[in-house]
Amino acid sequence: MPKAPIRFNDLLKALKPYGVKVKKGGKGFETILIRPLTENSNQGPQHTIKKHGKNPQISIRSITALLENLGIPEDAVWGN
């Protein structure tokens, strides 16, 4: 699948197998995504995404930065 913007909820579904969770907090329209080191931990790499609305489209640039910060391969979201 070619790189294209993805809806926030679809992005979360694609990242779920990698253990990515939404962390409570963030200012205003910011959502913090974290990839915990262990199952019940709050420590690990995290990334903040601006989220305006219920299920906005996340840009390619934001997704690429997110994947790089959390150490997840691009195939997880866009496939081959």
Protein backbone atom coordinates (compact mmCIF):
# COMPACT_ATOMS: atom_id res chain seq x y z
CA MET A 1 0.00 0.00 0.00
CA PRO A 2 1.44 3.43 -0.89
CA LYS A 3 2.07 5.97 1.85
CA ALA A 4 -1.05 8.00 2.56
CA PRO A 5 -2.57 9.82 5.54
CA ILE A 6 -4.38 7.51 7.95
CA ARG A 7 -7.26 8.06 10.36
CA PHE A 8 -6.21 8.12 14.04
CA ASN A 9 -8.27 5.06 15.05
CA ASP A 10 -6.89 3.02 12.14
CA LEU A 11 -3.36 4.04 13.15
CA LEU A 12 -3.97 2.81 16.70
CA LYS A 13 -5.25 -0.54 15.36
CA ALA A 14 -2.11 -0.94 13.23
CA LEU A 15 0.17 -0.16 16.19
CA LYS A 16 -1.65 -2.34 18.74
CA PRO A 17 0.42 -5.50 17.99
CA TYR A 18 3.54 -3.48 18.93
CA GLY A 19 2.12 -2.66 22.36
CA VAL A 20 1.51 1.04 21.67
CA LYS A 21 -0.97 2.63 24.09
CA VAL A 22 -2.57 6.03 24.56
CA LYS A 23 -1.13 7.65 27.68
CA LYS A 24 -3.35 9.97 29.69
CA GLY A 25 -2.25 13.57 29.67
CA GLY A 26 -1.17 15.98 27.02
CA LYS A 27 -2.20 19.59 26.62
CA GLY A 28 -5.28 20.59 24.70
CA PHE A 29 -5.48 18.63 21.46
CA GLU A 30 -2.33 16.57 22.09
CA THR A 31 -2.44 12.81 22.49
CA ILE A 32 0.57 10.96 23.89
CA LEU A 33 1.33 7.52 22.47
CA ILE A 34 3.73 5.30 24.39
CA ARG A 35 5.40 1.96 23.71
CA PRO A 36 5.99 0.60 27.23
CA LEU A 37 9.12 -1.42 27.97
CA THR A 38 7.12 -3.93 30.01
CA GLU A 39 3.40 -4.74 30.10
CA ASN A 40 2.36 -2.58 33.08
CA SER A 41 4.99 0.12 32.72
CA ASN A 42 4.75 3.82 31.93
CA GLN A 43 8.38 3.96 30.84
CA GLY A 44 9.48 3.70 27.27
CA PRO A 45 9.62 5.75 24.08
CA GLN A 46 6.72 8.11 23.58
CA HIS A 47 5.47 10.51 20.92
CA THR A 48 2.93 13.34 20.97
CA ILE A 49 0.40 13.74 18.15
CA LYS A 50 -1.89 16.72 17.59
CA LYS A 51 -5.43 15.39 17.36
CA HIS A 52 -8.22 17.82 16.40
CA GLY A 53 -11.63 16.14 16.34
CA LYS A 54 -12.84 12.62 17.02
CA ASN A 55 -11.02 10.67 14.30
CA PRO A 56 -8.78 13.03 12.30
CA GLN A 57 -6.43 12.08 9.50
CA ILE A 58 -2.80 11.94 10.62
CA SER A 59 -0.29 13.18 8.05
CA ILE A 60 2.42 11.02 6.50
CA ARG A 61 5.09 13.19 8.10
CA SER A 62 3.60 12.75 11.60
CA ILE A 63 3.25 8.99 11.16
CA THR A 64 6.85 8.66 9.93
CA ALA A 65 8.14 10.60 12.96
CA LEU A 66 5.97 8.52 15.29
CA LEU A 67 7.28 5.23 13.89
CA GLU A 68 10.88 6.44 14.11
CA ASN A 69 10.50 7.60 17.73
CA LEU A 70 8.82 4.39 18.86
CA GLY A 71 11.14 2.09 16.88
CA ILE A 72 8.43 0.50 14.74
CA PRO A 73 8.98 -0.47 11.07
CA GLU A 74 7.00 1.40 8.41
CA ASP A 75 5.50 -1.91 7.17
CA ALA A 76 3.38 -1.93 10.36
CA VAL A 77 1.26 0.89 8.96
CA TRP A 78 1.69 0.91 5.19
CA GLY A 79 2.59 -2.71 4.47
CA ASN A 80 5.08 -3.50 1.69
